[in-house]
Protein backbone atom coordinates (compact mmCIF):
# COMPACT_ATOMS: atom_id res chain seq x y z
CA UNK A 1 0.00 0.00 0.00
CA UNK A 2 1.11 3.53 -0.72
CA UNK A 3 -1.52 5.47 1.17
CA UNK A 4 -5.16 5.92 2.03
CA UNK A 5 -8.01 7.72 0.26
CA UNK A 6 -10.05 9.84 2.68
CA UNK A 7 -13.42 11.48 2.20
CA UNK A 8 -13.20 14.92 3.81
CA UNK A 9 -16.11 17.20 4.58
CA UNK A 10 -16.10 18.81 1.15
CA UNK A 11 -13.83 16.61 -0.96
CA UNK A 12 -11.82 13.41 -1.16
CA UNK A 13 -8.03 13.41 -0.86
CA UNK A 14 -5.15 11.01 -0.48
CA UNK A 15 -2.80 10.63 2.42
CA UNK A 16 0.27 9.16 0.79
CA UNK A 17 3.07 7.33 2.51
CA UNK A 18 3.47 4.07 4.34
CA UNK A 19 0.18 3.55 6.21
CA UNK A 20 0.13 2.64 9.87
CA UNK A 21 -2.20 -0.29 9.19
CA UNK A 22 -1.09 -3.69 7.93
CA UNK A 23 -3.07 -5.29 5.12
CA UNK A 24 -3.37 -9.05 5.66
CA UNK A 25 -2.34 -11.47 2.91
CA UNK A 26 -5.19 -12.40 0.53
CA UNK A 27 -7.13 -9.20 1.25
CA UNK A 28 -9.29 -8.43 -1.80
CA UNK A 29 -8.12 -5.48 -3.91
CA UNK A 30 -9.64 -3.60 -6.84
CA UNK A 31 -8.69 -0.95 -9.34
CA UNK A 32 -9.56 2.61 -8.35
CA UNK A 33 -11.89 4.60 -10.56
CA UNK A 34 -10.29 7.50 -12.44
CA UNK A 35 -12.06 9.92 -10.10
CA UNK A 36 -10.70 8.15 -6.99
CA UNK A 37 -7.23 7.98 -8.55
CA UNK A 38 -7.36 11.74 -9.15
CA UNK A 39 -8.49 12.44 -5.58
CA UNK A 40 -5.78 10.13 -4.21
CA UNK A 41 -3.19 12.28 -5.97
CA UNK A 42 -4.50 15.45 -4.29
CA UNK A 43 -3.64 16.42 -0.73
CA UNK A 44 -6.14 17.84 1.77
CA UNK A 45 -5.61 21.32 0.25
CA UNK A 46 -6.45 19.88 -3.20
CA UNK A 47 -2.85 20.31 -4.40
CA UNK A 48 -1.23 17.57 -6.51
CA UNK A 49 0.97 15.10 -4.67
CA UNK A 50 3.11 12.12 -5.59
CA UNK A 51 4.70 11.49 -2.21
CA UNK A 52 5.27 7.78 -2.79
CA UNK A 53 7.34 8.34 -5.96
CA UNK A 54 10.82 8.37 -4.37
CA UNK A 55 9.95 5.46 -2.06
CA UNK A 56 8.79 3.44 -5.08
CA UNK A 57 12.03 4.11 -6.94
CA UNK A 58 14.18 3.23 -3.90
CA UNK A 59 12.29 0.16 -2.72
CA UNK A 60 10.41 -1.14 -5.75
CA UNK A 61 13.02 -3.60 -6.94
CA UNK A 62 14.16 -4.14 -10.51
CA UNK A 63 10.84 -3.06 -12.02
CA UNK A 64 10.54 0.15 -9.98
CA UNK A 65 11.34 2.55 -12.83
CA UNK A 66 8.93 0.84 -15.23
CA UNK A 67 6.19 0.82 -12.60
CA UNK A 68 6.78 4.49 -11.77
CA UNK A 69 6.64 5.39 -15.46
CA UNK A 70 3.37 3.46 -15.85
CA UNK A 71 1.89 5.33 -12.87
CA UNK A 72 2.91 8.67 -14.41
CA UNK A 73 1.31 7.69 -17.73
CA UNK A 74 -1.96 6.92 -15.91
CA UNK A 75 -1.95 9.89 -13.54
CA UNK A 76 -0.83 12.79 -15.75
CA UNK A 77 -4.01 12.88 -17.91
CA UNK A 78 -6.04 13.42 -14.71
CA UNK A 79 -4.48 16.87 -14.32
CA UNK A 80 -4.41 20.00 -16.44
CA UNK A 81 -2.11 22.91 -17.08
CA UNK A 82 1.23 23.19 -15.31
CA UNK A 83 0.46 20.21 -13.03
CA UNK A 84 0.04 17.93 -16.04
CA UNK A 85 3.14 19.36 -17.70
CA UNK A 86 5.21 18.73 -14.53
CA UNK A 87 4.13 15.09 -14.43
CA UNK A 88 4.95 14.67 -18.12
CA UNK A 89 8.41 16.17 -17.57
CA UNK A 90 8.96 13.79 -14.63
CA UNK A 91 7.98 10.83 -16.84
CA UNK A 92 10.31 11.93 -19.65
CA UNK A 93 13.19 12.42 -17.21
CA UNK A 94 12.64 8.94 -15.77
CA UNK A 95 12.53 7.46 -19.27
CA UNK A 96 15.75 9.27 -20.21
CA UNK A 97 17.52 8.00 -17.07
CA UNK A 98 16.44 4.45 -17.87
CA UNK A 99 17.76 4.78 -21.43
CA UNK A 100 21.07 6.18 -20.24
CA UNK A 101 21.53 3.45 -17.62
CA UNK A 102 21.03 0.79 -20.29
CA UNK A 103 23.78 2.35 -22.40
CA UNK A 104 26.39 1.99 -19.63
């Protein structure tokens, strides 16, 4: 798990990071709706957040970069303007770093 989706008084938001609860093995899981995914990537002030990104890259194993890139591909269309552009730049930088590491 990378966080929790909360329903506040006026809007939903994500609290990202390692949760304090432990999810038992074989707990059912499902794919979030696009709306929930968008809300999860907003903090309580409705500002974009991707707090789990660095943890994913450090602790995600050999597929961490590919997984992070896939997340960015899914999340960036949920935003507009400079927020979307920032996520696209982050994805391109990650892709470039992967390409350069393969050339070494």
